[in-house]
N, C-alpha and C. Protein backbone atom coordinates (compact mmCIF):
# COMPACT_ATOMS: atom_id res chain seq x y z
N MET A 1 14.15 1.59 2.01
CA MET A 1 13.37 0.88 3.04
C MET A 1 13.16 1.06 4.68
N VAL A 2 13.35 2.50 4.45
CA VAL A 2 13.25 3.38 6.07
C VAL A 2 12.12 3.10 6.30
N GLY A 3 11.94 2.45 7.85
CA GLY A 3 10.54 2.65 8.39
C GLY A 3 9.47 1.52 8.01
N SER A 4 10.06 0.46 6.85
CA SER A 4 9.63 -0.41 6.54
C SER A 4 9.34 -1.60 7.21
N GLU A 5 10.29 -1.44 8.78
CA GLU A 5 9.86 -3.00 9.18
C GLU A 5 8.80 -2.57 10.30
N ARG A 6 8.51 -1.38 10.06
CA ARG A 6 7.02 -0.72 11.10
C ARG A 6 6.15 -0.76 10.70
N ARG A 7 5.84 -1.27 9.12
CA ARG A 7 4.55 -0.79 8.41
C ARG A 7 4.00 -2.39 8.79
N SER A 8 2.73 -2.06 8.85
CA SER A 8 1.45 -3.38 9.48
C SER A 8 1.20 -4.14 8.21
N CYS A 9 1.42 -5.84 8.18
CA CYS A 9 1.30 -6.59 7.20
C CYS A 9 0.55 -7.91 7.84
N ALA A 10 0.41 -8.76 6.53
CA ALA A 10 -0.01 -10.16 7.42
C ALA A 10 0.27 -11.08 6.41
N ALA A 11 0.52 -12.16 6.94
CA ALA A 11 1.61 -13.56 6.21
C ALA A 11 0.53 -14.42 6.19
N PHE A 12 0.67 -15.15 4.59
CA PHE A 12 -0.36 -16.40 4.37
C PHE A 12 0.44 -17.75 3.94
N GLU A 13 0.41 -18.53 4.62
CA GLU A 13 0.58 -19.80 4.01
C GLU A 13 -0.31 -20.48 2.94
N GLY A 14 -0.61 -20.61 2.00
CA GLY A 14 -1.32 -21.02 0.94
C GLY A 14 -2.52 -19.97 1.61
N SER A 15 -3.67 -20.68 2.29
CA SER A 15 -4.51 -19.79 2.30
C SER A 15 -4.82 -19.62 4.00
N ARG A 16 -4.16 -19.95 4.79
CA ARG A 16 -3.72 -20.15 5.91
C ARG A 16 -3.34 -19.11 6.81
N ARG A 17 -3.86 -17.87 7.45
CA ARG A 17 -3.04 -16.92 7.83
C ARG A 17 -2.16 -17.25 9.15
N ILE A 18 -0.62 -16.78 8.71
CA ILE A 18 0.35 -17.41 9.66
C ILE A 18 0.90 -16.50 10.49
N ALA A 19 0.60 -15.00 10.39
CA ALA A 19 1.27 -13.87 11.15
C ALA A 19 0.68 -12.47 10.79
N GLY A 20 0.81 -11.44 11.44
CA GLY A 20 -0.05 -10.57 11.46
C GLY A 20 0.90 -9.24 12.15
N GLY A 21 0.87 -8.21 11.76
CA GLY A 21 1.45 -7.12 12.50
C GLY A 21 2.41 -6.56 12.29
N ASP A 22 3.64 -5.84 12.56
CA ASP A 22 4.70 -5.19 11.76
C ASP A 22 5.31 -6.26 10.97
N LEU A 23 6.41 -5.75 10.19
CA LEU A 23 7.08 -6.48 8.96
C LEU A 23 8.00 -7.01 9.84
N ALA A 24 9.06 -6.94 10.57
CA ALA A 24 9.69 -7.53 11.36
C ALA A 24 9.47 -8.70 12.31
N SER A 25 8.03 -8.42 12.68
CA SER A 25 7.81 -9.46 13.74
C SER A 25 7.32 -10.62 12.42
N VAL A 26 6.43 -10.15 11.39
CA VAL A 26 5.96 -10.84 10.56
C VAL A 26 6.57 -12.02 9.92
N ALA A 27 8.36 -11.38 9.35
CA ALA A 27 9.00 -11.68 8.81
C ALA A 27 9.78 -12.91 9.51
N ALA A 28 10.12 -12.29 10.80
CA ALA A 28 10.48 -13.54 11.60
C ALA A 28 9.77 -14.75 12.02
N GLU A 29 8.44 -14.61 12.12
CA GLU A 29 7.81 -16.04 12.24
C GLU A 29 7.58 -16.56 10.62
N VAL A 30 7.55 -15.80 9.20
CA VAL A 30 7.40 -16.60 7.91
C VAL A 30 8.68 -17.35 8.14
N LYS A 31 10.07 -16.81 8.24
CA LYS A 31 11.11 -17.45 8.35
C LYS A 31 11.35 -18.85 9.02
N ARG A 32 10.36 -18.44 10.18
CA ARG A 32 10.26 -19.86 11.06
C ARG A 32 9.60 -21.20 10.36
N VAL A 33 8.62 -20.37 9.93
CA VAL A 33 7.58 -21.42 9.06
C VAL A 33 8.47 -22.11 8.02
N LEU A 34 8.95 -21.30 7.20
CA LEU A 34 10.04 -21.63 6.26
C LEU A 34 10.78 -22.59 6.60
N ASP A 35 11.38 -22.51 7.75
CA ASP A 35 12.69 -23.51 7.97
C ASP A 35 12.22 -24.59 8.51
N ARG A 36 10.91 -24.73 8.72
CA ARG A 36 10.09 -26.05 8.95
C ARG A 36 10.05 -26.89 7.94
N GLY A 37 10.20 -26.23 6.77
CA GLY A 37 9.99 -27.24 5.44
C GLY A 37 8.71 -27.10 4.96
N GLU A 38 7.54 -25.99 5.37
CA GLU A 38 6.54 -26.12 4.79
C GLU A 38 6.62 -25.82 3.05
N ARG A 39 5.59 -26.34 2.76
CA ARG A 39 5.26 -26.83 0.89
C ARG A 39 4.48 -25.42 0.43
N ALA A 40 3.54 -25.12 1.34
CA ALA A 40 2.17 -24.13 0.32
C ALA A 40 3.51 -22.98 0.46
N PRO A 41 3.16 -22.01 -0.58
CA PRO A 41 3.64 -20.87 -1.28
C PRO A 41 2.98 -19.76 0.06
N VAL A 42 4.56 -18.98 0.44
CA VAL A 42 4.05 -17.86 1.94
C VAL A 42 3.99 -16.64 1.13
N LEU A 43 3.26 -16.01 1.25
CA LEU A 43 2.93 -14.33 0.82
C LEU A 43 2.72 -13.41 1.97
N ILE A 44 3.20 -12.45 1.70
CA ILE A 44 3.11 -11.22 2.70
C ILE A 44 2.29 -10.31 2.00
N PHE A 45 1.39 -9.75 2.75
CA PHE A 45 0.63 -8.49 2.15
C PHE A 45 1.04 -7.50 3.18
N ASP A 46 0.89 -5.92 2.22
CA ASP A 46 0.91 -4.53 2.81
C ASP A 46 -0.58 -4.86 3.26
N ASP A 47 -0.65 -4.00 4.70
CA ASP A 47 -2.29 -3.84 5.02
C ASP A 47 -2.99 -2.94 4.50
N GLU A 48 -2.40 -2.11 4.73
CA GLU A 48 -2.56 -0.59 3.77
C GLU A 48 -2.82 -0.76 2.10
N THR A 49 -2.29 -1.43 1.42
CA THR A 49 -2.21 -1.50 -0.04
C THR A 49 -2.64 -2.88 -0.44
N SER A 50 -2.35 -3.88 0.20
CA SER A 50 -2.48 -5.55 -0.24
C SER A 50 -0.98 -5.68 -0.94
N GLU A 51 -0.30 -4.81 -1.63
CA GLU A 51 0.48 -5.08 -2.35
C GLU A 51 1.61 -5.89 -1.81
N GLN A 52 2.12 -6.96 -2.37
CA GLN A 52 2.86 -7.91 -1.91
C GLN A 52 4.85 -7.61 -1.40
N ILE A 53 5.02 -8.04 -0.34
CA ILE A 53 5.87 -7.64 0.17
C ILE A 53 7.31 -8.48 0.11
N GLU A 54 7.99 -8.09 -0.53
CA GLU A 54 9.45 -9.37 -0.49
C GLU A 54 10.46 -8.92 0.48
N VAL A 55 10.56 -10.55 1.18
CA VAL A 55 11.60 -10.38 2.09
C VAL A 55 12.42 -11.29 1.38
N ASP A 56 14.02 -11.05 1.93
CA ASP A 56 15.11 -12.09 1.49
C ASP A 56 14.89 -12.65 2.86
N PHE A 57 15.05 -14.11 2.88
CA PHE A 57 15.05 -15.01 3.88
C PHE A 57 16.28 -15.41 4.01
N ARG A 58 17.04 -15.37 3.19
CA ARG A 58 18.40 -16.61 3.33
C ARG A 58 18.98 -16.31 4.82
N GLY A 59 19.22 -16.97 5.30
CA GLY A 59 20.50 -16.81 6.21
C GLY A 59 19.57 -17.54 7.47
N THR A 60 19.49 -16.57 8.58
CA THR A 60 18.82 -16.60 9.90
C THR A 60 17.99 -15.95 9.95
N VAL A 61 17.44 -15.90 11.04
CA VAL A 61 16.28 -14.81 11.81
C VAL A 61 16.82 -13.45 11.74
N GLU A 62 18.12 -13.84 12.31
CA GLU A 62 18.57 -12.29 12.67
C GLU A 62 19.11 -11.40 10.80
N ASP A 63 19.93 -12.80 10.33
CA ASP A 63 19.98 -11.96 9.11
C ASP A 63 18.73 -11.69 8.17
N VAL A 64 17.63 -12.10 8.14
CA VAL A 64 16.46 -11.54 7.35
C VAL A 64 16.15 -10.20 7.98
N LEU A 65 16.20 -10.05 9.64
CA LEU A 65 15.82 -9.16 10.19
C LEU A 65 16.74 -7.96 10.05
N ALA A 66 18.33 -8.24 10.28
CA ALA A 66 19.13 -6.97 9.74
C ALA A 66 18.99 -6.30 8.29
N ARG A 67 18.56 -7.15 7.41
CA ARG A 67 18.52 -6.83 6.16
C ARG A 67 16.82 -5.80 5.99
N LEU A 68 16.25 -5.93 6.85
CA LEU A 68 15.11 -4.56 6.95
C LEU A 68 14.90 -3.63 7.42
N ARG A 69 15.99 -3.45 8.04
CA ARG A 69 16.34 -2.49 9.20
C ARG A 69 17.04 -1.29 7.87
N PRO A 70 16.64 -0.15 7.82
CA PRO A 70 17.62 0.91 7.10
C PRO A 70 19.03 0.91 7.59
N ALA A 71 19.37 1.11 6.59
CA ALA A 71 21.20 1.17 6.50
C ALA A 71 20.85 2.60 7.28
N GLU A 72 22.52 2.17 7.87
CA GLU A 72 22.72 3.71 8.88
C GLU A 72 22.76 4.62 7.63
N ALA A 73 22.09 5.75 8.44
CA ALA A 73 22.27 7.38 7.34
C ALA A 73 23.75 7.83 6.63
N ALA A 74 23.80 7.32 5.90
CA ALA A 74 25.47 8.22 5.43
C ALA A 74 25.21 9.39 5.43
N PRO A 75 27.00 10.06 6.10
CA PRO A 75 26.40 11.73 6.08
C PRO A 75 26.09 11.96 4.46
N ALA A 76 25.54 13.10 4.77
CA ALA A 76 24.56 13.83 3.66
C ALA A 76 25.66 14.54 3.40
N ASP A 77 25.67 15.22 2.13
CA ASP A 77 26.80 15.75 1.11
C ASP A 77 25.96 17.21 1.62
N GLU A 78 27.03 17.88 2.01
CA GLU A 78 27.28 18.78 2.97
C GLU A 78 27.68 20.27 1.72
N ALA A 79 28.01 20.13 0.89
CA ALA A 79 28.25 20.83 0.00
C ALA A 79 27.33 22.21 -0.29
N PRO A 80 28.10 23.71 -0.44
CA PRO A 80 27.50 24.77 -0.23
C PRO A 80 26.34 24.41 -1.30
N ARG A 81 24.95 25.14 -1.25
CA ARG A 81 24.24 25.36 -2.55
C ARG A 81 24.21 26.63 -2.50
N GLY A 82 23.54 26.30 -4.17
CA GLY A 82 23.73 27.96 -4.79
C GLY A 82 22.18 28.06 -4.40
N PRO A 83 22.05 29.37 -5.63
CA PRO A 83 21.11 30.07 -5.64
C PRO A 83 19.65 28.88 -6.42
N GLY A 84 18.59 29.54 -5.17
CA GLY A 84 17.27 28.32 -5.46
C GLY A 84 16.53 28.19 -4.30
N ARG A 85 15.69 27.23 -4.46
CA ARG A 85 14.81 26.70 -3.35
C ARG A 85 15.80 26.07 -2.28
N PRO A 86 15.42 26.16 -1.08
CA PRO A 86 16.31 25.54 -0.05
C PRO A 86 15.92 24.18 0.07
N LYS A 87 16.15 23.30 0.68
CA LYS A 87 15.56 21.96 1.22
C LYS A 87 14.37 21.79 1.64
N LEU A 88 13.09 22.10 0.84
CA LEU A 88 12.20 21.85 1.57
C LEU A 88 10.97 21.00 1.24
N GLY A 89 11.97 20.08 0.37
CA GLY A 89 11.21 18.97 -0.13
C GLY A 89 10.27 18.88 -1.02
N VAL A 90 10.45 20.08 -2.05
CA VAL A 90 9.88 20.47 -3.47
C VAL A 90 10.65 19.58 -4.16
N VAL A 91 9.27 18.87 -5.10
CA VAL A 91 9.90 18.27 -6.06
C VAL A 91 9.83 18.90 -7.29
N ALA A 92 10.39 18.96 -8.46
CA ALA A 92 10.18 19.55 -9.63
C ALA A 92 10.01 18.46 -10.62
N ARG A 93 8.76 18.88 -11.06
CA ARG A 93 8.19 17.96 -12.30
C ARG A 93 7.42 18.81 -13.49
N GLU A 94 7.58 17.88 -14.65
CA GLU A 94 6.77 18.51 -15.91
C GLU A 94 5.70 18.61 -15.41
N VAL A 95 4.87 19.34 -15.74
CA VAL A 95 3.45 19.69 -16.17
C VAL A 95 2.84 20.44 -17.61
N THR A 96 2.18 19.57 -18.03
CA THR A 96 2.00 20.46 -19.43
C THR A 96 0.41 20.76 -19.26
N LEU A 97 0.05 22.26 -19.52
CA LEU A 97 -0.93 23.11 -19.57
C LEU A 97 -1.09 23.95 -21.23
N LEU A 98 -2.63 24.04 -20.78
CA LEU A 98 -2.51 25.03 -22.01
C LEU A 98 -2.61 26.32 -21.89
N PRO A 99 -2.18 27.10 -22.86
CA PRO A 99 -1.47 28.61 -22.89
C PRO A 99 -2.40 29.32 -21.81
N ARG A 100 -4.02 29.30 -21.90
CA ARG A 100 -4.57 30.11 -21.17
C ARG A 100 -4.41 29.44 -19.54
N HIS A 101 -4.09 28.82 -19.48
CA HIS A 101 -3.96 28.08 -18.27
C HIS A 101 -2.63 28.52 -17.37
N TRP A 102 -1.26 28.66 -18.48
CA TRP A 102 -0.29 29.35 -17.89
C TRP A 102 -0.74 30.92 -17.46
N GLU A 103 -1.56 31.37 -18.43
CA GLU A 103 -1.72 32.77 -17.92
C GLU A 103 -2.86 33.20 -17.02
N TRP A 104 -3.31 32.41 -16.73
CA TRP A 104 -4.44 32.13 -15.44
C TRP A 104 -3.41 31.81 -14.48
N LEU A 105 -2.17 31.17 -14.55
CA LEU A 105 -1.67 30.65 -13.17
C LEU A 105 -0.87 31.80 -12.83
N GLY A 106 -0.38 32.29 -13.98
CA GLY A 106 0.90 33.73 -13.49
C GLY A 106 0.29 34.56 -13.36
N GLU A 107 -0.79 35.04 -13.37
CA GLU A 107 -1.92 35.82 -12.96
C GLU A 107 -2.59 35.82 -11.16
N GLN A 108 -2.02 34.69 -10.48
CA GLN A 108 -2.49 34.19 -9.08
C GLN A 108 -1.31 34.74 -8.41
N PRO A 109 -1.89 35.27 -6.93
CA PRO A 109 -0.74 35.58 -5.83
C PRO A 109 0.31 34.45 -6.01
N GLY A 110 1.41 34.82 -5.85
CA GLY A 110 2.67 33.69 -5.33
C GLY A 110 3.06 32.70 -6.65
N GLY A 111 2.16 33.45 -7.91
CA GLY A 111 2.86 32.87 -8.96
C GLY A 111 2.22 31.12 -9.34
N ALA A 112 2.57 30.49 -10.33
CA ALA A 112 1.84 29.17 -10.94
C ALA A 112 2.37 28.59 -9.79
N SER A 113 3.70 28.21 -9.33
CA SER A 113 3.49 27.24 -8.77
C SER A 113 2.84 27.41 -7.12
N ALA A 114 2.96 28.40 -6.24
CA ALA A 114 1.84 28.98 -5.44
C ALA A 114 -0.01 28.40 -5.72
N ALA A 115 -0.03 29.00 -6.93
CA ALA A 115 -1.67 28.44 -7.02
C ALA A 115 -1.47 26.73 -7.28
N LEU A 116 -0.88 26.17 -8.17
CA LEU A 116 -0.76 24.81 -7.94
C LEU A 116 -1.09 23.83 -6.82
N ARG A 117 0.19 24.52 -5.76
CA ARG A 117 -0.36 23.65 -4.77
C ARG A 117 -1.48 23.83 -4.22
N ARG A 118 -1.90 25.56 -4.33
CA ARG A 118 -3.44 25.83 -3.45
C ARG A 118 -4.57 24.55 -4.32
N LEU A 119 -4.37 24.75 -5.38
CA LEU A 119 -5.29 23.98 -6.09
C LEU A 119 -5.36 22.40 -4.95
N VAL A 120 -4.04 21.87 -5.86
CA VAL A 120 -4.09 20.61 -5.59
C VAL A 120 -4.14 20.45 -3.53
N GLU A 121 -4.17 21.25 -2.96
CA GLU A 121 -4.25 20.73 -1.58
C GLU A 121 -5.93 21.13 -1.38
N GLU A 122 -6.46 21.80 -2.17
CA GLU A 122 -8.23 22.17 -2.05
C GLU A 122 -8.83 20.73 -2.92
N ALA A 123 -8.25 19.94 -3.83
CA ALA A 123 -8.66 18.97 -4.26
C ALA A 123 -8.53 18.01 -3.05
N ARG A 124 -7.39 17.78 -2.47
CA ARG A 124 -6.88 16.78 -1.60
C ARG A 124 -8.31 16.89 -1.12
N ARG A 125 -8.48 17.68 0.24
CA ARG A 125 -9.37 18.41 1.03
C ARG A 125 -10.67 17.64 0.33
N ALA A 126 -11.51 18.25 -0.66
CA ALA A 126 -12.55 18.03 -1.40
C ALA A 126 -13.28 16.20 -1.27
N ASN A 127 -11.90 15.42 -2.48
CA ASN A 127 -11.55 14.23 -2.44
C ASN A 127 -11.40 13.48 -1.44
N ALA A 128 -11.36 13.50 -0.09
CA ALA A 128 -10.14 12.78 0.94
C ALA A 128 -11.28 11.52 1.10
N ASP A 129 -12.53 11.78 1.48
CA ASP A 129 -13.54 10.44 1.44
C ASP A 129 -14.03 9.49 0.05
N LYS A 130 -13.59 10.03 -1.23
CA LYS A 130 -13.64 9.36 -2.08
C LYS A 130 -12.27 8.75 -2.41
N ASP A 131 -11.14 9.56 -2.18
CA ASP A 131 -9.90 8.95 -2.23
C ASP A 131 -9.60 7.54 -1.31
N ARG A 132 -10.03 7.54 -0.01
CA ARG A 132 -10.38 6.76 0.87
C ARG A 132 -10.73 5.42 0.41
N VAL A 133 -12.10 5.84 -0.15
CA VAL A 133 -12.90 4.25 -0.54
C VAL A 133 -12.29 3.89 -1.90
N ARG A 134 -11.77 4.53 -2.75
CA ARG A 134 -11.14 4.09 -4.08
C ARG A 134 -10.08 3.54 -3.64
N LYS A 135 -8.91 3.99 -2.68
CA LYS A 135 -7.80 3.28 -2.39
C LYS A 135 -8.24 2.01 -1.67
N ALA A 136 -8.96 1.90 -0.66
CA ALA A 136 -9.71 0.90 -0.10
C ALA A 136 -9.96 -0.10 -0.70
N ARG A 137 -11.09 -0.14 -1.75
CA ARG A 137 -11.54 -0.89 -2.93
C ARG A 137 -10.05 -1.55 -3.79
N GLU A 138 -8.97 -0.54 -3.85
CA GLU A 138 -8.27 -1.19 -4.55
C GLU A 138 -7.39 -2.06 -4.07
N ALA A 139 -7.19 -1.89 -2.59
CA ALA A 139 -6.42 -2.73 -1.90
C ALA A 139 -6.87 -4.12 -1.73
N ALA A 140 -8.54 -4.32 -1.25
CA ALA A 140 -9.18 -5.46 -1.22
C ALA A 140 -8.98 -6.12 -2.72
N TYR A 141 -9.30 -5.48 -3.69
CA TYR A 141 -9.28 -6.04 -4.98
C TYR A 141 -7.90 -7.06 -5.14
N ARG A 142 -6.85 -5.96 -4.66
CA ARG A 142 -5.76 -6.60 -4.98
C ARG A 142 -5.42 -7.92 -4.38
N PHE A 143 -5.68 -7.83 -3.04
CA PHE A 143 -5.91 -9.05 -2.29
C PHE A 143 -6.60 -9.91 -2.97
N LEU A 144 -8.07 -10.36 -3.26
CA LEU A 144 -8.97 -10.61 -3.78
C LEU A 144 -8.45 -11.40 -4.82
N SER A 145 -7.88 -11.08 -5.85
CA SER A 145 -7.47 -11.26 -7.01
C SER A 145 -6.05 -12.11 -7.03
N THR A 146 -5.33 -12.46 -5.62
CA THR A 146 -4.17 -12.79 -5.79
C THR A 146 -4.62 -14.22 -4.66
N MET A 147 -5.46 -13.83 -3.97
CA MET A 147 -5.40 -15.20 -3.14
C MET A 147 -7.12 -15.46 -3.12
N GLY A 148 -7.96 -14.97 -3.86
CA GLY A 148 -9.13 -15.31 -4.39
C GLY A 148 -9.52 -15.91 -5.77
N GLY A 149 -8.73 -15.56 -6.45
CA GLY A 149 -8.79 -15.88 -7.61
C GLY A 149 -9.45 -16.60 -8.26
N ASN A 150 -8.79 -17.46 -7.72
CA ASN A 150 -9.22 -19.18 -8.51
C ASN A 150 -10.62 -19.48 -7.68
N LEU A 151 -11.20 -19.20 -7.02
CA LEU A 151 -11.83 -19.45 -5.52
C LEU A 151 -13.28 -19.44 -6.20
N ALA A 152 -14.46 -19.84 -5.85
CA ALA A 152 -16.26 -19.55 -6.65
C ALA A 152 -16.27 -18.32 -5.54
N GLY A 153 -16.80 -17.52 -6.58
CA GLY A 153 -17.82 -16.41 -6.40
C GLY A 153 -16.59 -15.46 -6.37
N PHE A 154 -15.52 -15.40 -6.90
CA PHE A 154 -14.58 -14.42 -6.81
C PHE A 154 -15.16 -13.38 -7.93
N GLU A 155 -15.53 -13.59 -9.06
CA GLU A 155 -16.41 -12.58 -9.80
C GLU A 155 -17.28 -11.83 -9.57
N GLU A 156 -18.02 -12.47 -8.44
CA GLU A 156 -19.14 -11.79 -8.12
C GLU A 156 -19.11 -11.25 -6.86
N ALA A 157 -18.17 -11.71 -6.16
CA ALA A 157 -17.08 -11.05 -4.97
C ALA A 157 -16.53 -9.40 -5.12
N SER A 158 -16.19 -9.85 -6.56
CA SER A 158 -15.53 -8.69 -7.08
C SER A 158 -16.72 -7.43 -7.60
N ARG A 159 -17.45 -7.99 -8.43
CA ARG A 159 -18.58 -6.84 -8.74
C ARG A 159 -19.15 -5.73 -7.22
N ALA A 160 -19.40 -7.22 -6.57
CA ALA A 160 -20.01 -6.54 -5.32
C ALA A 160 -19.07 -5.61 -4.36
N LEU A 161 -17.84 -5.99 -5.05
CA LEU A 161 -16.59 -4.50 -4.00
C LEU A 161 -17.01 -3.64 -4.53
N PHE A 162 -16.95 -3.78 -5.84
CA PHE A 162 -16.77 -2.34 -6.51
C PHE A 162 -18.72 -1.61 -6.96
N ALA A 163 -19.26 -2.51 -6.38
CA ALA A 163 -20.83 -1.70 -6.46
C ALA A 163 -21.37 -1.62 -5.00
N GLY A 164 -20.27 -1.66 -3.89
CA GLY A 164 -20.43 -1.16 -2.40
C GLY A 164 -21.45 -2.22 -1.88
N ASP A 165 -21.82 -3.32 -2.43
CA ASP A 165 -22.75 -4.29 -2.05
C ASP A 165 -22.40 -5.06 -0.95
N ALA A 166 -22.14 -4.57 0.52
CA ALA A 166 -21.51 -5.71 0.97
C ALA A 166 -22.14 -6.94 1.63
N ALA A 167 -23.49 -6.87 1.55
CA ALA A 167 -24.21 -7.68 1.81
C ALA A 167 -24.01 -9.00 0.79
N LYS A 168 -23.67 -8.70 -0.46
CA LYS A 168 -23.50 -9.68 -1.53
C LYS A 168 -22.04 -10.01 -1.39
N PHE A 169 -21.21 -9.16 -1.05
CA PHE A 169 -19.66 -9.49 -1.07
C PHE A 169 -19.83 -10.45 0.02
N ASP A 170 -20.11 -10.44 1.23
CA ASP A 170 -20.48 -11.66 2.28
C ASP A 170 -20.70 -12.48 2.07
N ARG A 171 -22.39 -12.59 0.57
CA ARG A 171 -22.42 -13.98 0.60
C ARG A 171 -21.35 -14.57 -0.61
N GLU A 172 -20.93 -14.04 -1.40
CA GLU A 172 -20.24 -14.48 -2.64
C GLU A 172 -18.95 -15.01 -1.71
N THR A 173 -18.46 -14.70 -0.92
CA THR A 173 -17.24 -15.19 -0.15
C THR A 173 -17.54 -16.49 1.10
N GLU A 174 -18.64 -16.37 1.48
CA GLU A 174 -18.86 -17.47 2.40
C GLU A 174 -18.37 -18.68 2.11
N GLY A 175 -17.92 -19.08 1.34
CA GLY A 175 -17.53 -20.30 1.34
C GLY A 175 -15.81 -20.66 1.29
N TRP A 176 -15.09 -19.38 1.11
CA TRP A 176 -13.86 -19.28 1.31
C TRP A 176 -12.80 -19.62 2.23
N PRO A 177 -11.77 -20.39 2.20
CA PRO A 177 -11.21 -20.16 3.50
C PRO A 177 -10.96 -19.41 4.56
N PRO A 178 -11.02 -19.65 5.63
CA PRO A 178 -11.63 -18.75 6.45
C PRO A 178 -10.72 -17.70 6.93
N ASP A 179 -9.24 -17.80 6.99
CA ASP A 179 -8.46 -17.07 6.93
C ASP A 179 -8.28 -15.77 5.83
N VAL A 180 -8.49 -16.69 4.60
CA VAL A 180 -8.75 -15.50 3.61
C VAL A 180 -9.95 -14.49 3.51
N ARG A 181 -11.04 -15.10 3.73
CA ARG A 181 -12.58 -14.79 4.07
C ARG A 181 -12.55 -13.38 5.03
N GLU A 182 -11.77 -13.77 6.01
CA GLU A 182 -11.50 -12.74 7.38
C GLU A 182 -11.08 -11.57 6.65
N HIS A 183 -9.53 -11.90 6.19
CA HIS A 183 -8.64 -10.76 5.92
C HIS A 183 -9.59 -9.97 4.46
N ALA A 184 -10.34 -10.62 3.36
CA ALA A 184 -10.50 -9.76 2.72
C ALA A 184 -11.59 -9.02 3.14
N LEU A 185 -12.79 -9.82 4.72
CA LEU A 185 -13.65 -8.97 4.55
C LEU A 185 -13.25 -7.71 5.39
N LYS A 186 -12.14 -7.54 5.97
CA LYS A 186 -11.35 -6.49 6.78
C LYS A 186 -11.09 -5.53 5.55
N LEU A 187 -10.47 -6.01 4.39
CA LEU A 187 -10.04 -4.56 3.89
C LEU A 187 -11.51 -4.40 2.69
N ALA A 188 -12.15 -4.90 2.84
CA ALA A 188 -13.35 -4.48 1.73
C ALA A 188 -14.42 -3.64 2.90
N ARG A 189 -14.46 -3.85 4.14
CA ARG A 189 -14.93 -2.83 5.26
C ARG A 189 -15.03 -1.41 5.24
N ALA A 190 -13.50 -1.12 4.55
CA ALA A 190 -13.24 0.63 4.60
C ALA A 190 -13.95 0.98 3.23
N SER A 191 -14.61 -0.01 2.07
CA SER A 191 -14.65 0.61 1.04
C SER A 191 -15.98 0.73 1.05
N PHE A 192 -17.12 -0.01 1.77
CA PHE A 192 -18.35 0.01 1.60
C PHE A 192 -19.07 0.65 2.64
């Protein structure tokens, strides 16, 4: 959870937004709401991905916040390294290619790994806008399906989201609870 207490999120008690901001301040507010004995379910969503964030609310507010902080870094194992790549953040994984692909990669300057890294970087740059829209759409849909899945207009709003039709999305969510609608519009805006 390194850095997790700093990520931006929003919390809802039922359909009412009760907090927004960094995880630590949102968790503290949610804990206060839970301690008052509120009955509606409380959900916390990551603002970037709309994935639900699980927080252990046992104990005091201080206990909750202490669990969110990253554990003190344990001393790294500084055993002498053998031959091979230095610690550069390189991650080895399996890639399956046809023989002609391996031949072409082997002929590239720097070898197969360097060529693959160049290809990936080029693709990331070329598709940055499409990837941003896709991620925004996925985040908006994740929130919609959790918070609005049973609301009138959900299916049409989802279709409008994936069609990129902001006006229809706005119309279909008009009757939704204000806080849910506002957050859904904020998330969906990035995909239109």
